[in-house]
Every structure is written in structure tokens, then in C-alpha cells.
């Protein structure tokens, strides 16, 4: 019995390489059998020459997010005090919003100038001054014409209100003065204009959630 068992075991050991395809005898299909036991053929894909590997899902999602990003909008705020501009800038930094801020100081009429403009030569200007003195005008000065230094102007008065300038002009007319004019003078108004550029949701988070920052200002779309 023991001899028979040993003979059967030796036969099994001898046939093992042939059964599992480790030894090829002709074309008996044992090699495909061995490969199929090690690989999953249905999962093998052969890429054509020059083809790129598929992108990871995270990269595809990031690219899709870029395509679907909201368009940029621009809003202008006019009449802001310095403190309001600083508060808006601080909120952008604090909230880390993707908003670009640009500012410019606004101008306004700060005075009204009564003068006689457009005198071509100093000789002509001095003759006009003599005529004004003869009419009883005592307060005047000779200066270059603003915006045209080649010409001269006779300044008759500079006023903070338009009403005061008109009163002087009326007084000069009664004395026989002709060709005097009133011109408003522009200067810094102490107010600022701000342009904000960014996504609509970012601008809403900046402005709509803090109405006190833009109280009393004019809010429009950028030109």
C-alpha cells in the first residue's frame, strides 16, 4: 500500500508542470492557460501611438470649473469719503475676495473767478487796466491766462460762492465795465471715485453685506 501511494505521488509531481502550462509540448494551449491565470485580458487596452494617458478626474473637474467660472463685472462708486474707501479695501483683504480696487480723487467747483480774459500782449493788458481805473475799479491784478500762458488776463476777484461772483460782475457792469466773465474753478473735492472689478458673487459679498460702507454714495456700472 505504501509503495502504491509513493508511485502515485511521483506521477503527480511529474505531471504538475504539464498541467499548469510551465512546460510546453507542441501547441497544446497550456501557455494561454497559464497567462489567463495570471492576467485579466479584458482589462488590457493598447493605446495608439502618440496618444496621451487619460487625465485624472481632479484635473478634469478643475478645468470644467474654470470654464464655468462667472464672468467679471465692474461697479463704480462715486462720492466716497476717505474712510469709506479704506473700509472697502480692508474688507477685500479680510475676506480674501478676488476683487480689484482702483480709486481716483474727484474734483468739484471750489471757487468762481471774475476776470477779463484773452489779452494778447502786455501793452494791451496795461491799457485795459488804465481804463478800469478810470471807471473806478481799484482791485485787479495781471496774470497769465489759465491754459494759455501766451495770453494775459486781468483778475478782478475770486469768490467761494457763485452768488458773490455775480454780485461783483453786476457792480462792474453798472460802472461801465465790459467783457468781464465768471469762470468756475475746479479743485479737489475731498471725495473719491472707486471702481471694483471681480465676479458678481464677490462684489455682492463685498457691498451688499456691508451697506454702511457705501452709505450715501452713487453706485453705477463702470462705463
Foldseek 3Di string as FASTA:
>chain_A
DVVVVVVVVVVCVVCVCVQCVVDDDDPPPNVVSNVVVVDPVVPDDDDPPPDDDDDDPVVVVVVVCVVVPFDKFKKKKWFAAPVLVVVLVVVCVVVVFPKDKDKDFDKDFQKKWKKQDDAQDPVSVVVVVVVLVVLPQDDWDKDADVPHNNIIMITRDMGRDPVVVVVVVVVSVVSPDPRIDMDTDMDGPNIMMMMMMDGPVRVCVSDVVCVVSRPPIDMGTDD
